[in-house]
Amino acid sequence: MTRDADVPTASTEWRVSPGLVSYPSAMAQMDERVERVAAGQAPELVWLLQHPSLYTGGTSAVVSELLSPDRFPVYRTGRGGRFTYHGPGQRVVYLVLDLRQRGQDLRRFVWQLEEWLIRSLGRLGVVAGRRQGLIGVWVATAPDIDAKIAAVGVRVRRWISCHGVAINVTTDLRHFEGIVPCGVRDHGVTSLEALGSKLTMADLDAALALEFEPLLAPTVAATAQP
């Protein structure tokens, strides 16, 4: 995998940004790419990055679940879901994909994203899975105790996806104390590091790249929308 651009499929750009990318800058670039992909003017994008510490609230975010509003910058966003934390040590992946080439089924797309994460973590020796009624990817941290290791939150405009997933690698988990993560009070969050893993961000990136095409490659041709 190379920095800035790599192409796992002919129609998808795979980008890895070094350092920390500001949230407003990332959103501006993502939104522009959505419009260009919809118009057939640019390839799809899978963008791997990290943000400085911040909270984001999705379309279902409840103000009472933002417990420490002055701790970090807070951004309201158009993705689904509630409040989450982004910061150093967390791999964020924004996916600008043409769902017209993938069956135009949002529920299935979310399932595919979860499965992508589950298989990628499995490739690295981490047993992860879904939990009934909850979005995201979870691991057992003790008997009968589950914690979220990866979050999923997407938006679709003109059948082009945006936003995506976030996987905790070496994330400072204390920063989740400023919110009710994704509105779930009964379960905690964890990271690869907290699980005792020595895996690096590069290890995760490589697994994500290997597992992408079997699940998320385009399946049908599409034409640009006006």
C-alpha atoms as a PDB file:
ATOM      1  CA  MET A   1       0.000   0.000   0.000  1.00  0.00           C
ATOM      2  CA  THR A   2       1.351   3.416  -0.888  1.00  0.00           C
ATOM      3  CA  ARG A   3       0.746   6.801   0.653  1.00  0.00           C
ATOM      4  CA  ASP A   4      -1.755   9.187  -0.962  1.00  0.00           C
ATOM      5  CA  ALA A   5      -3.048   6.777  -3.625  1.00  0.00           C
ATOM      6  CA  ASP A   6      -3.423   3.076  -4.165  1.00  0.00           C
ATOM      7  CA  VAL A   7      -6.087   1.361  -6.248  1.00  0.00           C
ATOM      8  CA  PRO A   8      -7.458  -1.995  -5.060  1.00  0.00           C
ATOM      9  CA  THR A   9     -10.016  -1.936  -7.869  1.00  0.00           C
ATOM     10  CA  ALA A  10      -9.971  -0.085 -11.165  1.00  0.00           C
ATOM     11  CA  SER A  11     -12.761   2.244 -10.044  1.00  0.00           C
ATOM     12  CA  THR A  12     -11.683   2.931  -6.454  1.00  0.00           C
ATOM     13  CA  GLU A  13      -8.917   5.209  -5.176  1.00  0.00           C
ATOM     14  CA  TRP A  14      -7.364   4.025  -1.914  1.00  0.00           C
ATOM     15  CA  ARG A  15      -5.823   6.938  -0.001  1.00  0.00           C
ATOM     16  CA  VAL A  16      -3.887   6.964   3.272  1.00  0.00           C
ATOM     17  CA  SER A  17      -3.260  10.397   4.807  1.00  0.00           C
ATOM     18  CA  PRO A  18      -0.344  10.770   7.231  1.00  0.00           C
ATOM     19  CA  GLY A  19      -0.651  12.887  10.359  1.00  0.00           C
ATOM     20  CA  LEU A  20      -3.933  14.325  11.618  1.00  0.00           C
ATOM     21  CA  VAL A  21      -6.532  15.711   9.211  1.00  0.00           C
ATOM     22  CA  SER A  22      -8.840  18.454  10.480  1.00  0.00           C
ATOM     23  CA  TYR A  23     -12.501  17.507  10.514  1.00  0.00           C
ATOM     24  CA  PRO A  24     -13.763  20.514   8.497  1.00  0.00           C
ATOM     25  CA  SER A  25     -11.119  19.895   5.825  1.00  0.00           C
ATOM     26  CA  ALA A  26     -12.012  16.202   5.619  1.00  0.00           C
ATOM     27  CA  MET A  27     -15.720  16.974   5.315  1.00  0.00           C
ATOM     28  CA  ALA A  28     -15.130  19.521   2.553  1.00  0.00           C
ATOM     29  CA  GLN A  29     -13.009  17.063   0.571  1.00  0.00           C
ATOM     30  CA  MET A  30     -15.463  14.228   1.133  1.00  0.00           C
ATOM     31  CA  ASP A  31     -18.482  16.293   0.079  1.00  0.00           C
ATOM     32  CA  GLU A  32     -16.730  17.452  -3.072  1.00  0.00           C
ATOM     33  CA  ARG A  33     -15.819  13.872  -3.924  1.00  0.00           C
ATOM     34  CA  VAL A  34     -19.430  12.730  -3.456  1.00  0.00           C
ATOM     35  CA  GLU A  35     -20.582  15.230  -6.074  1.00  0.00           C
ATOM     36  CA  ARG A  36     -17.824  14.271  -8.494  1.00  0.00           C
ATOM     37  CA  VAL A  37     -18.454  10.533  -8.115  1.00  0.00           C
ATOM     38  CA  ALA A  38     -22.195  11.065  -8.631  1.00  0.00           C
ATOM     39  CA  ALA A  39     -21.433  12.973 -11.829  1.00  0.00           C
ATOM     40  CA  GLY A  40     -18.995  10.349 -13.090  1.00  0.00           C
ATOM     41  CA  GLN A  41     -16.100  12.814 -12.870  1.00  0.00           C
ATOM     42  CA  ALA A  42     -13.930  10.987 -10.304  1.00  0.00           C
ATOM     43  CA  PRO A  43     -13.302   7.442  -9.078  1.00  0.00           C
ATOM     44  CA  GLU A  44     -14.717   6.169  -5.826  1.00  0.00           C
ATOM     45  CA  LEU A  45     -12.661   6.850  -2.712  1.00  0.00           C
ATOM     46  CA  VAL A  46     -11.644   4.853   0.346  1.00  0.00           C
ATOM     47  CA  TRP A  47      -9.840   7.360   2.560  1.00  0.00           C
ATOM     48  CA  LEU A  48      -7.920   6.214   5.639  1.00  0.00           C
ATOM     49  CA  LEU A  49      -6.983   8.952   8.097  1.00  0.00           C
ATOM     50  CA  GLN A  50      -6.832  10.115  11.699  1.00  0.00           C
ATOM     51  CA  HIS A  51      -8.393  13.212  13.239  1.00  0.00           C
ATOM     52  CA  PRO A  52      -7.335  15.378  16.163  1.00  0.00           C
ATOM     53  CA  SER A  53      -9.513  14.801  19.228  1.00  0.00           C
ATOM     54  CA  LEU A  54     -13.147  15.803  18.638  1.00  0.00           C
ATOM     55  CA  TYR A  55     -16.729  14.669  19.066  1.00  0.00           C
ATOM     56  CA  THR A  56     -19.261  14.305  16.268  1.00  0.00           C
ATOM     57  CA  GLY A  57     -23.019  14.019  16.553  1.00  0.00           C
ATOM     58  CA  GLY A  58     -25.056  12.176  13.955  1.00  0.00           C
ATOM     59  CA  THR A  59     -28.646  12.739  12.921  1.00  0.00           C
ATOM     60  CA  SER A  60     -29.971  10.911  16.011  1.00  0.00           C
ATOM     61  CA  ALA A  61     -27.645  12.614  18.514  1.00  0.00           C
ATOM     62  CA  VAL A  62     -29.240  13.612  21.829  1.00  0.00           C
ATOM     63  CA  VAL A  63     -27.787  16.647  23.615  1.00  0.00           C
ATOM     64  CA  SER A  64     -27.970  14.957  27.018  1.00  0.00           C
ATOM     65  CA  GLU A  65     -25.513  12.320  25.747  1.00  0.00           C
ATOM     66  CA  LEU A  66     -22.814  14.954  25.235  1.00  0.00           C
ATOM     67  CA  LEU A  67     -21.529  14.808  28.803  1.00  0.00           C
ATOM     68  CA  SER A  68     -18.497  17.111  28.434  1.00  0.00           C
ATOM     69  CA  PRO A  69     -19.351  19.671  25.738  1.00  0.00           C
ATOM     70  CA  ASP A  70     -16.245  21.768  26.426  1.00  0.00           C
ATOM     71  CA  ARG A  71     -13.735  18.920  26.368  1.00  0.00           C
ATOM     72  CA  PHE A  72     -13.135  18.884  22.609  1.00  0.00           C
ATOM     73  CA  PRO A  73     -14.597  20.568  19.524  1.00  0.00           C
ATOM     74  CA  VAL A  74     -18.057  19.220  18.695  1.00  0.00           C
ATOM     75  CA  TYR A  75     -19.306  18.870  15.123  1.00  0.00           C
ATOM     76  CA  ARG A  76     -22.825  18.084  13.984  1.00  0.00           C
ATOM     77  CA  THR A  77     -22.761  15.866  10.945  1.00  0.00           C
ATOM     78  CA  GLY A  78     -25.193  14.326   8.484  1.00  0.00           C
ATOM     79  CA  ARG A  79     -24.241  10.709   9.114  1.00  0.00           C
ATOM     80  CA  GLY A  80     -26.536   8.311  10.901  1.00  0.00           C
ATOM     81  CA  GLY A  81     -26.088   7.586  14.579  1.00  0.00           C
ATOM     82  CA  ARG A  82     -25.432   9.569  17.743  1.00  0.00           C
ATOM     83  CA  PHE A  83     -22.289  10.940  19.400  1.00  0.00           C
ATOM     84  CA  THR A  84     -18.863   9.426  18.901  1.00  0.00           C
ATOM     85  CA  TYR A  85     -15.248  10.354  19.502  1.00  0.00           C
ATOM     86  CA  HIS A  86     -12.483  10.634  16.917  1.00  0.00           C
ATOM     87  CA  GLY A  87      -8.839  11.171  17.744  1.00  0.00           C
ATOM     88  CA  PRO A  88      -5.230  10.023  17.425  1.00  0.00           C
ATOM     89  CA  GLY A  89      -4.759   6.273  17.409  1.00  0.00           C
ATOM     90  CA  GLN A  90      -8.126   5.661  15.771  1.00  0.00           C
ATOM     91  CA  ARG A  91      -8.318   4.633  12.127  1.00  0.00           C
ATOM     92  CA  VAL A  92     -11.143   6.488  10.434  1.00  0.00           C
ATOM     93  CA  VAL A  93     -12.154   5.286   6.983  1.00  0.00           C
ATOM     94  CA  TYR A  94     -14.391   7.461   4.822  1.00  0.00           C
ATOM     95  CA  LEU A  95     -16.005   5.583   1.953  1.00  0.00           C
ATOM     96  CA  VAL A  96     -17.303   7.459  -1.060  1.00  0.00           C
ATOM     97  CA  LEU A  97     -18.804   4.540  -2.970  1.00  0.00           C
ATOM     98  CA  ASP A  98     -21.424   4.342  -5.699  1.00  0.00           C
ATOM     99  CA  LEU A  99     -24.211   2.196  -4.290  1.00  0.00           C
ATOM    100  CA  ARG A 100     -25.869   2.132  -7.702  1.00  0.00           C
ATOM    101  CA  GLN A 101     -23.138  -0.404  -8.442  1.00  0.00           C
ATOM    102  CA  ARG A 102     -23.920  -2.351  -5.269  1.00  0.00           C
ATOM    103  CA  GLY A 103     -27.663  -2.934  -5.362  1.00  0.00           C
ATOM    104  CA  GLN A 104     -28.920   0.326  -3.798  1.00  0.00           C
ATOM    105  CA  ASP A 105     -29.598  -1.406  -0.484  1.00  0.00           C
ATOM    106  CA  LEU A 106     -28.512   0.713   2.494  1.00  0.00           C
ATOM    107  CA  ARG A 107     -29.220  -1.937   5.105  1.00  0.00           C
ATOM    108  CA  ARG A 108     -27.090  -4.442   3.211  1.00  0.00           C
ATOM    109  CA  PHE A 109     -24.329  -1.861   2.786  1.00  0.00           C
ATOM    110  CA  VAL A 110     -24.118  -1.329   6.554  1.00  0.00           C
ATOM    111  CA  TRP A 111     -23.975  -5.119   6.991  1.00  0.00           C
ATOM    112  CA  GLN A 112     -21.161  -5.279   4.433  1.00  0.00           C
ATOM    113  CA  LEU A 113     -19.201  -2.590   6.266  1.00  0.00           C
ATOM    114  CA  GLU A 114     -19.531  -4.488   9.534  1.00  0.00           C
ATOM    115  CA  GLU A 115     -18.517  -7.711   7.807  1.00  0.00           C
ATOM    116  CA  TRP A 116     -15.512  -5.968   6.252  1.00  0.00           C
ATOM    117  CA  LEU A 117     -14.336  -4.924   9.705  1.00  0.00           C
ATOM    118  CA  ILE A 118     -15.038  -8.333  11.240  1.00  0.00           C
ATOM    119  CA  ARG A 119     -13.076 -10.134   8.527  1.00  0.00           C
ATOM    120  CA  SER A 120     -10.224  -7.630   8.649  1.00  0.00           C
ATOM    121  CA  LEU A 121      -9.890  -7.997  12.414  1.00  0.00           C
ATOM    122  CA  GLY A 122     -10.174 -11.763  12.058  1.00  0.00           C
ATOM    123  CA  ARG A 123      -7.288 -11.746   9.599  1.00  0.00           C
ATOM    124  CA  LEU A 124      -5.269 -10.120  12.396  1.00  0.00           C
ATOM    125  CA  GLY A 125      -6.302 -12.730  14.952  1.00  0.00           C
ATOM    126  CA  VAL A 126      -8.970 -10.632  16.685  1.00  0.00           C
ATOM    127  CA  VAL A 127     -12.341 -12.333  17.164  1.00  0.00           C
ATOM    128  CA  ALA A 128     -15.061  -9.735  16.618  1.00  0.00           C
ATOM    129  CA  GLY A 129     -18.710  -9.780  15.658  1.00  0.00           C
ATOM    130  CA  ARG A 130     -22.115  -8.133  15.756  1.00  0.00           C
ATOM    131  CA  ARG A 131     -24.447  -7.774  18.705  1.00  0.00           C
ATOM    132  CA  GLN A 132     -28.198  -7.997  18.211  1.00  0.00           C
ATOM    133  CA  GLY A 133     -29.874  -4.628  17.930  1.00  0.00           C
ATOM    134  CA  LEU A 134     -26.590  -2.687  17.940  1.00  0.00           C
ATOM    135  CA  ILE A 135     -24.665  -1.145  15.048  1.00  0.00           C
ATOM    136  CA  GLY A 136     -20.916  -1.597  14.857  1.00  0.00           C
ATOM    137  CA  VAL A 137     -18.381  -4.289  15.651  1.00  0.00           C
ATOM    138  CA  TRP A 138     -17.888  -5.772  19.090  1.00  0.00           C
ATOM    139  CA  VAL A 139     -15.477  -7.990  21.008  1.00  0.00           C
ATOM    140  CA  ALA A 140     -15.835  -9.944  24.232  1.00  0.00           C
ATOM    141  CA  THR A 141     -13.571  -8.403  26.881  1.00  0.00           C
ATOM    142  CA  ALA A 142     -14.696 -10.825  29.617  1.00  0.00           C
ATOM    143  CA  PRO A 143     -17.377 -13.507  30.002  1.00  0.00           C
ATOM    144  CA  ASP A 144     -20.733 -11.866  29.229  1.00  0.00           C
ATOM    145  CA  ILE A 145     -19.069  -8.447  28.774  1.00  0.00           C
ATOM    146  CA  ASP A 146     -18.883  -6.890  25.305  1.00  0.00           C
ATOM    147  CA  ALA A 147     -17.190  -3.692  24.170  1.00  0.00           C
ATOM    148  CA  LYS A 148     -17.301  -1.852  20.871  1.00  0.00           C
ATOM    149  CA  ILE A 149     -14.053  -1.779  18.944  1.00  0.00           C
ATOM    150  CA  ALA A 150     -15.371  -0.206  15.731  1.00  0.00           C
ATOM    151  CA  ALA A 151     -18.197   2.183  14.901  1.00  0.00           C
ATOM    152  CA  VAL A 152     -20.185   2.499  11.679  1.00  0.00           C
ATOM    153  CA  GLY A 153     -21.983   5.659  10.606  1.00  0.00           C
ATOM    154  CA  VAL A 154     -22.861   6.470   7.011  1.00  0.00           C
ATOM    155  CA  ARG A 155     -24.908   8.820   4.887  1.00  0.00           C
ATOM    156  CA  VAL A 156     -26.116   8.333   1.323  1.00  0.00           C
ATOM    157  CA  ARG A 157     -26.730  11.153  -1.150  1.00  0.00           C
ATOM    158  CA  ARG A 158     -27.897  10.340  -4.682  1.00  0.00           C
ATOM    159  CA  TRP A 159     -26.896   6.757  -3.868  1.00  0.00           C
ATOM    160  CA  ILE A 160     -23.297   7.784  -3.179  1.00  0.00           C
ATOM    161  CA  SER A 161     -22.124   6.869   0.314  1.00  0.00           C
ATOM    162  CA  CYS A 162     -20.076   9.087   2.598  1.00  0.00           C
ATOM    163  CA  HIS A 163     -18.727   9.010   6.153  1.00  0.00           C
ATOM    164  CA  GLY A 164     -17.885   5.425   7.111  1.00  0.00           C
ATOM    165  CA  VAL A 165     -16.201   3.537   9.947  1.00  0.00           C
ATOM    166  CA  ALA A 166     -13.795   4.088  12.831  1.00  0.00           C
ATOM    167  CA  ILE A 167     -11.612   1.411  14.444  1.00  0.00           C
ATOM    168  CA  ASN A 168      -9.861   1.923  17.772  1.00  0.00           C
ATOM    169  CA  VAL A 169      -6.206   0.908  17.509  1.00  0.00           C
ATOM    170  CA  THR A 170      -4.290   2.828  20.190  1.00  0.00           C
ATOM    171  CA  THR A 171      -7.080   5.301  20.942  1.00  0.00           C
ATOM    172  CA  ASP A 172      -7.103   6.979  24.366  1.00  0.00           C
ATOM    173  CA  LEU A 173     -10.349   5.423  25.557  1.00  0.00           C
ATOM    174  CA  ARG A 174     -10.724   7.926  28.407  1.00  0.00           C
ATOM    175  CA  HIS A 175     -11.955  10.449  25.858  1.00  0.00           C
ATOM    176  CA  PHE A 176     -15.128   8.421  25.325  1.00  0.00           C
ATOM    177  CA  GLU A 177     -16.077   9.386  28.889  1.00  0.00           C
ATOM    178  CA  GLY A 178     -17.194  12.781  27.561  1.00  0.00           C
ATOM    179  CA  ILE A 179     -20.125  11.213  25.689  1.00  0.00           C
ATOM    180  CA  VAL A 180     -22.491   8.275  25.746  1.00  0.00           C
ATOM    181  CA  PRO A 181     -20.815   6.491  22.823  1.00  0.00           C
ATOM    182  CA  CYS A 182     -23.371   5.929  20.063  1.00  0.00           C
ATOM    183  CA  GLY A 183     -26.103   6.217  22.697  1.00  0.00           C
ATOM    184  CA  VAL A 184     -25.194   2.847  24.255  1.00  0.00           C
ATOM    185  CA  ARG A 185     -24.913   3.032  28.045  1.00  0.00           C
ATOM    186  CA  ASP A 186     -24.730  -0.676  28.836  1.00  0.00           C
ATOM    187  CA  HIS A 187     -21.506  -1.481  26.980  1.00  0.00           C
ATOM    188  CA  GLY A 188     -18.073   0.081  26.907  1.00  0.00           C
ATOM    189  CA  VAL A 189     -15.526   0.696  24.190  1.00  0.00           C
ATOM    190  CA  THR A 190     -12.166  -0.929  23.646  1.00  0.00           C
ATOM    191  CA  SER A 191      -9.169  -0.847  21.323  1.00  0.00           C
ATOM    192  CA  LEU A 192      -6.638  -3.249  19.894  1.00  0.00           C
ATOM    193  CA  GLU A 193      -4.145  -1.904  22.418  1.00  0.00           C
ATOM    194  CA  ALA A 194      -6.536  -2.412  25.339  1.00  0.00           C
ATOM    195  CA  LEU A 195      -6.990  -6.010  24.213  1.00  0.00           C
ATOM    196  CA  GLY A 196      -3.242  -6.505  24.593  1.00  0.00           C
ATOM    197  CA  SER A 197      -2.522  -6.457  20.873  1.00  0.00           C
ATOM    198  CA  LYS A 198       0.721  -5.068  19.458  1.00  0.00           C
ATOM    199  CA  LEU A 199      -0.826  -4.581  16.027  1.00  0.00           C
ATOM    200  CA  THR A 200      -0.084  -1.285  14.327  1.00  0.00           C
ATOM    201  CA  MET A 201      -2.152   1.045  12.182  1.00  0.00           C
ATOM    202  CA  ALA A 202      -0.238  -0.254   9.163  1.00  0.00           C
ATOM    203  CA  ASP A 203      -1.192  -3.834  10.052  1.00  0.00           C
ATOM    204  CA  LEU A 204      -4.854  -2.841  10.168  1.00  0.00           C
ATOM    205  CA  ASP A 205      -4.632  -0.893   6.918  1.00  0.00           C
ATOM    206  CA  ALA A 206      -3.167  -3.898   5.128  1.00  0.00           C
ATOM    207  CA  ALA A 207      -5.943  -6.179   6.390  1.00  0.00           C
ATOM    208  CA  LEU A 208      -8.625  -3.682   5.369  1.00  0.00           C
ATOM    209  CA  ALA A 209      -7.169  -3.501   1.865  1.00  0.00           C
ATOM    210  CA  LEU A 210      -7.071  -7.284   1.506  1.00  0.00           C
ATOM    211  CA  GLU A 211     -10.670  -7.742   2.653  1.00  0.00           C
ATOM    212  CA  PHE A 212     -12.165  -4.827   0.720  1.00  0.00           C
ATOM    213  CA  GLU A 213     -12.697  -6.261  -2.737  1.00  0.00           C
ATOM    214  CA  PRO A 214     -14.430  -9.552  -1.794  1.00  0.00           C
ATOM    215  CA  LEU A 215     -17.186  -7.618  -0.012  1.00  0.00           C
ATOM    216  CA  LEU A 216     -17.290  -4.098  -1.378  1.00  0.00           C
ATOM    217  CA  ALA A 217     -16.095  -4.120  -4.975  1.00  0.00           C
ATOM    218  CA  PRO A 218     -18.675  -2.891  -7.529  1.00  0.00           C
ATOM    219  CA  THR A 219     -20.975  -5.618  -8.821  1.00  0.00           C
ATOM    220  CA  VAL A 220     -22.856  -3.808 -11.610  1.00  0.00           C
ATOM    221  CA  ALA A 221     -22.089  -0.946 -13.981  1.00  0.00           C
ATOM    222  CA  ALA A 222     -23.634   2.465 -13.368  1.00  0.00           C
ATOM    223  CA  THR A 223     -24.034   5.682 -15.319  1.00  0.00           C
ATOM    224  CA  ALA A 224     -23.588   9.168 -13.927  1.00  0.00           C
ATOM    225  CA  GLN A 225     -26.611  10.959 -12.561  1.00  0.00           C
ATOM    226  CA  PRO A 226     -27.495  14.372 -13.970  1.00  0.00           C
END
